[in-house]
Amino acid sequence: MSDATELAERAGGADPREGLRAVAALRRLLEQLEAVQVRSARQQGWSWQEVAAELGVSRQAVHKKYGRR
């Protein structure tokens, strides 16, 4: 978790180049974490609607993003 905390601190820093790089790294990390949790939910029998509700998106959006994985 310290890597994510460090990235968050850098993202809020005064140097735009460093901040933007940190934001991009956080975005990649977030995408990976989301995929892990979606996969876990589906393996536990969650419906696409349940996953979508927790992510605050439509069922179609989550299915389109993760349905073929």
PDB file of N, CA and C in Angstrom:
ATOM      1  N   MET A   1       0.808  -1.200   0.000  1.00  0.00           N
ATOM      2  CA  MET A   1       0.000   0.000   0.000  1.00  0.00           C
ATOM      3  C   MET A   1       0.847   1.258   0.000  1.00  0.00           C
ATOM      4  N   SER A   2       2.076   1.170   0.471  1.00  0.00           N
ATOM      5  CA  SER A   2       2.894   2.372   0.532  1.00  0.00           C
ATOM      6  C   SER A   2       3.179   2.925  -0.857  1.00  0.00           C
ATOM      7  N   ASP A   3       3.263   2.058  -1.876  1.00  0.00           N
ATOM      8  CA  ASP A   3       3.470   2.544  -3.242  1.00  0.00           C
ATOM      9  C   ASP A   3       2.292   3.395  -3.688  1.00  0.00           C
ATOM     10  N   ALA A   4       1.082   2.935  -3.395  1.00  0.00           N
ATOM     11  CA  ALA A   4      -0.112   3.694  -3.773  1.00  0.00           C
ATOM     12  C   ALA A   4      -0.169   5.013  -3.012  1.00  0.00           C
ATOM     13  N   THR A   5       0.209   4.984  -1.744  1.00  0.00           N
ATOM     14  CA  THR A   5       0.217   6.208  -0.942  1.00  0.00           C
ATOM     15  C   THR A   5       1.234   7.197  -1.492  1.00  0.00           C
ATOM     16  N   GLU A   6       2.401   6.687  -1.860  1.00  0.00           N
ATOM     17  CA  GLU A   6       3.431   7.544  -2.437  1.00  0.00           C
ATOM     18  C   GLU A   6       2.960   8.149  -3.760  1.00  0.00           C
ATOM     19  N   LEU A   7       2.311   7.330  -4.584  1.00  0.00           N
ATOM     20  CA  LEU A   7       1.788   7.844  -5.855  1.00  0.00           C
ATOM     21  C   LEU A   7       0.742   8.924  -5.615  1.00  0.00           C
ATOM     22  N   ALA A   8      -0.129   8.705  -4.633  1.00  0.00           N
ATOM     23  CA  ALA A   8      -1.166   9.694  -4.328  1.00  0.00           C
ATOM     24  C   ALA A   8      -0.533  11.004  -3.870  1.00  0.00           C
ATOM     25  N   GLU A   9       0.502  10.918  -3.082  1.00  0.00           N
ATOM     26  CA  GLU A   9       1.187  12.130  -2.632  1.00  0.00           C
ATOM     27  C   GLU A   9       1.833  12.857  -3.808  1.00  0.00           C
ATOM     28  N   ARG A  10       2.478  12.099  -4.693  1.00  0.00           N
ATOM     29  CA  ARG A  10       3.098  12.714  -5.864  1.00  0.00           C
ATOM     30  C   ARG A  10       2.051  13.313  -6.797  1.00  0.00           C
ATOM     31  N   ALA A  11       0.896  12.680  -6.885  1.00  0.00           N
ATOM     32  CA  ALA A  11      -0.181  13.180  -7.753  1.00  0.00           C
ATOM     33  C   ALA A  11      -0.675  14.547  -7.286  1.00  0.00           C
ATOM     34  N   GLY A  12      -0.569  14.811  -5.999  1.00  0.00           N
ATOM     35  CA  GLY A  12      -1.018  16.092  -5.460  1.00  0.00           C
ATOM     36  C   GLY A  12       0.089  17.117  -5.318  1.00  0.00           C
ATOM     37  N   GLY A  13       1.266  16.800  -5.836  1.00  0.00           N
ATOM     38  CA  GLY A  13       2.408  17.698  -5.697  1.00  0.00           C
ATOM     39  C   GLY A  13       2.357  18.891  -6.632  1.00  0.00           C
ATOM     40  N   ALA A  14       3.361  19.736  -6.495  1.00  0.00           N
ATOM     41  CA  ALA A  14       3.414  20.988  -7.259  1.00  0.00           C
ATOM     42  C   ALA A  14       3.962  20.810  -8.669  1.00  0.00           C
ATOM     43  N   ASP A  15       4.703  19.741  -8.925  1.00  0.00           N
ATOM     44  CA  ASP A  15       5.304  19.519 -10.245  1.00  0.00           C
ATOM     45  C   ASP A  15       4.297  18.804 -11.150  1.00  0.00           C
ATOM     46  N   PRO A  16       3.769  19.493 -12.165  1.00  0.00           N
ATOM     47  CA  PRO A  16       2.750  18.877 -13.026  1.00  0.00           C
ATOM     48  C   PRO A  16       3.231  17.610 -13.731  1.00  0.00           C
ATOM     49  N   ARG A  17       4.476  17.576 -14.165  1.00  0.00           N
ATOM     50  CA  ARG A  17       4.985  16.392 -14.869  1.00  0.00           C
ATOM     51  C   ARG A  17       4.958  15.181 -13.936  1.00  0.00           C
ATOM     52  N   GLU A  18       5.480  15.356 -12.750  1.00  0.00           N
ATOM     53  CA  GLU A  18       5.488  14.268 -11.771  1.00  0.00           C
ATOM     54  C   GLU A  18       4.059  13.913 -11.349  1.00  0.00           C
ATOM     55  N   GLY A  19       3.234  14.905 -11.170  1.00  0.00           N
ATOM     56  CA  GLY A  19       1.849  14.677 -10.778  1.00  0.00           C
ATOM     57  C   GLY A  19       1.073  13.898 -11.826  1.00  0.00           C
ATOM     58  N   LEU A  20       1.231  14.277 -13.076  1.00  0.00           N
ATOM     59  CA  LEU A  20       0.523  13.581 -14.151  1.00  0.00           C
ATOM     60  C   LEU A  20       1.010  12.148 -14.322  1.00  0.00           C
ATOM     61  N   ARG A  21       2.300  11.938 -14.165  1.00  0.00           N
ATOM     62  CA  ARG A  21       2.822  10.568 -14.228  1.00  0.00           C
ATOM     63  C   ARG A  21       2.259   9.724 -13.099  1.00  0.00           C
ATOM     64  N   ALA A  22       2.155  10.312 -11.920  1.00  0.00           N
ATOM     65  CA  ALA A  22       1.592   9.596 -10.784  1.00  0.00           C
ATOM     66  C   ALA A  22       0.116   9.285 -11.013  1.00  0.00           C
ATOM     67  N   VAL A  23      -0.626  10.223 -11.569  1.00  0.00           N
ATOM     68  CA  VAL A  23      -2.035   9.993 -11.883  1.00  0.00           C
ATOM     69  C   VAL A  23      -2.180   8.832 -12.862  1.00  0.00           C
ATOM     70  N   ALA A  24      -1.340   8.804 -13.882  1.00  0.00           N
ATOM     71  CA  ALA A  24      -1.389   7.716 -14.865  1.00  0.00           C
ATOM     72  C   ALA A  24      -1.081   6.377 -14.203  1.00  0.00           C
ATOM     73  N   ALA A  25      -0.108   6.348 -13.318  1.00  0.00           N
ATOM     74  CA  ALA A  25       0.234   5.105 -12.616  1.00  0.00           C
ATOM     75  C   ALA A  25      -0.903   4.668 -11.703  1.00  0.00           C
ATOM     76  N   LEU A  26      -1.532   5.608 -11.026  1.00  0.00           N
ATOM     77  CA  LEU A  26      -2.682   5.280 -10.178  1.00  0.00           C
ATOM     78  C   LEU A  26      -3.842   4.737 -11.006  1.00  0.00           C
ATOM     79  N   ARG A  27      -4.051   5.310 -12.180  1.00  0.00           N
ATOM     80  CA  ARG A  27      -5.115   4.841 -13.070  1.00  0.00           C
ATOM     81  C   ARG A  27      -4.878   3.384 -13.473  1.00  0.00           C
ATOM     82  N   ARG A  28      -3.627   3.052 -13.816  1.00  0.00           N
ATOM     83  CA  ARG A  28      -3.304   1.665 -14.173  1.00  0.00           C
ATOM     84  C   ARG A  28      -3.529   0.728 -12.989  1.00  0.00           C
ATOM     85  N   LEU A  29      -3.115   1.160 -11.822  1.00  0.00           N
ATOM     86  CA  LEU A  29      -3.304   0.348 -10.617  1.00  0.00           C
ATOM     87  C   LEU A  29      -4.789   0.141 -10.331  1.00  0.00           C
ATOM     88  N   LEU A  30      -5.569   1.181 -10.449  1.00  0.00           N
ATOM     89  CA  LEU A  30      -7.004   1.096 -10.215  1.00  0.00           C
ATOM     90  C   LEU A  30      -7.673   0.133 -11.189  1.00  0.00           C
ATOM     91  N   GLU A  31      -7.291   0.193 -12.452  1.00  0.00           N
ATOM     92  CA  GLU A  31      -7.850  -0.725 -13.455  1.00  0.00           C
ATOM     93  C   GLU A  31      -7.539  -2.176 -13.100  1.00  0.00           C
ATOM     94  N   GLN A  32      -6.315  -2.425 -12.642  1.00  0.00           N
ATOM     95  CA  GLN A  32      -5.930  -3.786 -12.261  1.00  0.00           C
ATOM     96  C   GLN A  32      -6.731  -4.259 -11.056  1.00  0.00           C
ATOM     97  N   LEU A  33      -6.880  -3.390 -10.063  1.00  0.00           N
ATOM     98  CA  LEU A  33      -7.635  -3.752  -8.865  1.00  0.00           C
ATOM     99  C   LEU A  33      -9.108  -4.010  -9.191  1.00  0.00           C
ATOM    100  N   GLU A  34      -9.675  -3.180 -10.048  1.00  0.00           N
ATOM    101  CA  GLU A  34     -11.064  -3.365 -10.444  1.00  0.00           C
ATOM    102  C   GLU A  34     -11.247  -4.712 -11.134  1.00  0.00           C
ATOM    103  N   ALA A  35     -10.345  -5.050 -12.042  1.00  0.00           N
ATOM    104  CA  ALA A  35     -10.444  -6.321 -12.760  1.00  0.00           C
ATOM    105  C   ALA A  35     -10.372  -7.502 -11.795  1.00  0.00           C
ATOM    106  N   VAL A  36      -9.490  -7.427 -10.821  1.00  0.00           N
ATOM    107  CA  VAL A  36      -9.364  -8.499  -9.825  1.00  0.00           C
ATOM    108  C   VAL A  36     -10.667  -8.655  -9.049  1.00  0.00           C
ATOM    109  N   GLN A  37     -11.260  -7.552  -8.644  1.00  0.00           N
ATOM    110  CA  GLN A  37     -12.482  -7.619  -7.847  1.00  0.00           C
ATOM    111  C   GLN A  37     -13.689  -8.064  -8.671  1.00  0.00           C
ATOM    112  N   VAL A  38     -13.761  -7.637  -9.915  1.00  0.00           N
ATOM    113  CA  VAL A  38     -14.853  -8.083 -10.791  1.00  0.00           C
ATOM    114  C   VAL A  38     -14.752  -9.591 -11.000  1.00  0.00           C
ATOM    115  N   ARG A  39     -13.547 -10.056 -11.275  1.00  0.00           N
ATOM    116  CA  ARG A  39     -13.330 -11.497 -11.472  1.00  0.00           C
ATOM    117  C   ARG A  39     -13.718 -12.276 -10.209  1.00  0.00           C
ATOM    118  N   SER A  40     -13.338 -11.771  -9.061  1.00  0.00           N
ATOM    119  CA  SER A  40     -13.675 -12.414  -7.793  1.00  0.00           C
ATOM    120  C   SER A  40     -15.182 -12.460  -7.583  1.00  0.00           C
ATOM    121  N   ALA A  41     -15.844 -11.351  -7.836  1.00  0.00           N
ATOM    122  CA  ALA A  41     -17.300 -11.296  -7.673  1.00  0.00           C
ATOM    123  C   ALA A  41     -17.994 -12.293  -8.590  1.00  0.00           C
ATOM    124  N   ARG A  42     -17.556 -12.328  -9.845  1.00  0.00           N
ATOM    125  CA  ARG A  42     -18.177 -13.255 -10.798  1.00  0.00           C
ATOM    126  C   ARG A  42     -17.932 -14.709 -10.404  1.00  0.00           C
ATOM    127  N   GLN A  43     -16.736 -15.021  -9.909  1.00  0.00           N
ATOM    128  CA  GLN A  43     -16.435 -16.379  -9.473  1.00  0.00           C
ATOM    129  C   GLN A  43     -17.283 -16.775  -8.260  1.00  0.00           C
ATOM    130  N   GLN A  44     -17.704 -15.785  -7.497  1.00  0.00           N
ATOM    131  CA  GLN A  44     -18.554 -16.040  -6.332  1.00  0.00           C
ATOM    132  C   GLN A  44     -20.037 -16.009  -6.679  1.00  0.00           C
ATOM    133  N   GLY A  45     -20.333 -15.899  -7.966  1.00  0.00           N
ATOM    134  CA  GLY A  45     -21.713 -15.991  -8.410  1.00  0.00           C
ATOM    135  C   GLY A  45     -22.471 -14.683  -8.526  1.00  0.00           C
ATOM    136  N   TRP A  46     -21.804 -13.567  -8.411  1.00  0.00           N
ATOM    137  CA  TRP A  46     -22.485 -12.285  -8.555  1.00  0.00           C
ATOM    138  C   TRP A  46     -22.959 -12.108  -9.991  1.00  0.00           C
ATOM    139  N   SER A  47     -24.092 -11.459 -10.144  1.00  0.00           N
ATOM    140  CA  SER A  47     -24.585 -11.126 -11.484  1.00  0.00           C
ATOM    141  C   SER A  47     -23.876  -9.871 -11.976  1.00  0.00           C
ATOM    142  N   TRP A  48     -23.967  -9.664 -13.290  1.00  0.00           N
ATOM    143  CA  TRP A  48     -23.394  -8.437 -13.850  1.00  0.00           C
ATOM    144  C   TRP A  48     -24.078  -7.214 -13.249  1.00  0.00           C
ATOM    145  N   GLN A  49     -25.367  -7.326 -12.961  1.00  0.00           N
ATOM    146  CA  GLN A  49     -26.107  -6.206 -12.374  1.00  0.00           C
ATOM    147  C   GLN A  49     -25.574  -5.862 -10.988  1.00  0.00           C
ATOM    148  N   GLU A  50     -25.272  -6.884 -10.177  1.00  0.00           N
ATOM    149  CA  GLU A  50     -24.728  -6.636  -8.837  1.00  0.00           C
ATOM    150  C   GLU A  50     -23.357  -5.964  -8.913  1.00  0.00           C
ATOM    151  N   VAL A  51     -22.511  -6.456  -9.800  1.00  0.00           N
ATOM    152  CA  VAL A  51     -21.182  -5.861  -9.975  1.00  0.00           C
ATOM    153  C   VAL A  51     -21.330  -4.408 -10.419  1.00  0.00           C
ATOM    154  N   ALA A  52     -22.171  -4.180 -11.399  1.00  0.00           N
ATOM    155  CA  ALA A  52     -22.376  -2.833 -11.934  1.00  0.00           C
ATOM    156  C   ALA A  52     -22.876  -1.877 -10.856  1.00  0.00           C
ATOM    157  N   ALA A  53     -23.801  -2.344 -10.029  1.00  0.00           N
ATOM    158  CA  ALA A  53     -24.350  -1.488  -8.976  1.00  0.00           C
ATOM    159  C   ALA A  53     -23.255  -1.034  -8.015  1.00  0.00           C
ATOM    160  N   GLU A  54     -22.373  -1.928  -7.654  1.00  0.00           N
ATOM    161  CA  GLU A  54     -21.287  -1.576  -6.734  1.00  0.00           C
ATOM    162  C   GLU A  54     -20.283  -0.626  -7.366  1.00  0.00           C
ATOM    163  N   LEU A  55     -20.091  -0.724  -8.673  1.00  0.00           N
ATOM    164  CA  LEU A  55     -19.164   0.157  -9.375  1.00  0.00           C
ATOM    165  C   LEU A  55     -19.813   1.470  -9.802  1.00  0.00           C
ATOM    166  N   GLY A  56     -21.134   1.541  -9.703  1.00  0.00           N
ATOM    167  CA  GLY A  56     -21.831   2.765 -10.085  1.00  0.00           C
ATOM    168  C   GLY A  56     -21.908   2.973 -11.584  1.00  0.00           C
ATOM    169  N   VAL A  57     -21.975   1.857 -12.318  1.00  0.00           N
ATOM    170  CA  VAL A  57     -22.086   1.915 -13.782  1.00  0.00           C
ATOM    171  C   VAL A  57     -23.242   1.022 -14.218  1.00  0.00           C
ATOM    172  N   SER A  58     -23.532   1.032 -15.506  1.00  0.00           N
ATOM    173  CA  SER A  58     -24.607   0.181 -16.011  1.00  0.00           C
ATOM    174  C   SER A  58     -24.133  -1.261 -16.156  1.00  0.00           C
ATOM    175  N   ARG A  59     -25.074  -2.174 -16.155  1.00  0.00           N
ATOM    176  CA  ARG A  59     -24.768  -3.590 -16.361  1.00  0.00           C
ATOM    177  C   ARG A  59     -24.090  -3.782 -17.714  1.00  0.00           C
ATOM    178  N   GLN A  60     -24.582  -3.064 -18.706  1.00  0.00           N
ATOM    179  CA  GLN A  60     -24.015  -3.183 -20.044  1.00  0.00           C
ATOM    180  C   GLN A  60     -22.557  -2.725 -20.072  1.00  0.00           C
ATOM    181  N   ALA A  61     -22.254  -1.653 -19.358  1.00  0.00           N
ATOM    182  CA  ALA A  61     -20.889  -1.127 -19.348  1.00  0.00           C
ATOM    183  C   ALA A  61     -19.915  -2.113 -18.718  1.00  0.00           C
ATOM    184  N   VAL A  62     -20.307  -2.692 -17.592  1.00  0.00           N
ATOM    185  CA  VAL A  62     -19.399  -3.620 -16.917  1.00  0.00           C
ATOM    186  C   VAL A  62     -19.268  -4.916 -17.712  1.00  0.00           C
ATOM    187  N   HIS A  63     -20.349  -5.355 -18.316  1.00  0.00           N
ATOM    188  CA  HIS A  63     -20.280  -6.573 -19.120  1.00  0.00           C
ATOM    189  C   HIS A  63     -19.417  -6.360 -20.359  1.00  0.00           C
ATOM    190  N   LYS A  64     -19.550  -5.206 -20.983  1.00  0.00           N
ATOM    191  CA  LYS A  64     -18.746  -4.907 -22.159  1.00  0.00           C
ATOM    192  C   LYS A  64     -17.262  -4.865 -21.812  1.00  0.00           C
ATOM    193  N   LYS A  65     -16.941  -4.314 -20.651  1.00  0.00           N
ATOM    194  CA  LYS A  65     -15.547  -4.181 -20.248  1.00  0.00           C
ATOM    195  C   LYS A  65     -14.934  -5.501 -19.801  1.00  0.00           C
ATOM    196  N   TYR A  66     -15.717  -6.337 -19.107  1.00  0.00           N
ATOM    197  CA  TYR A  66     -15.158  -7.549 -18.495  1.00  0.00           C
ATOM    198  C   TYR A  66     -15.770  -8.851 -18.977  1.00  0.00           C
ATOM    199  N   GLY A  67     -16.794  -8.799 -19.778  1.00  0.00           N
ATOM    200  CA  GLY A  67     -17.524  -9.994 -20.163  1.00  0.00           C
ATOM    201  C   GLY A  67     -16.732 -11.016 -20.969  1.00  0.00           C
ATOM    202  N   ARG A  68     -15.773 -10.587 -21.699  1.00  0.00           N
ATOM    203  CA  ARG A  68     -15.022 -11.490 -22.573  1.00  0.00           C
ATOM    204  C   ARG A  68     -13.718 -11.970 -21.958  1.00  0.00           C
ATOM    205  N   ARG A  69     -13.417 -11.538 -20.761  1.00  0.00           N
ATOM    206  CA  ARG A  69     -12.136 -11.906 -20.132  1.00  0.00           C
ATOM    207  C   ARG A  69     -12.197 -13.279 -19.539  1.00  0.00           C
TER     208      ARG A  69
END
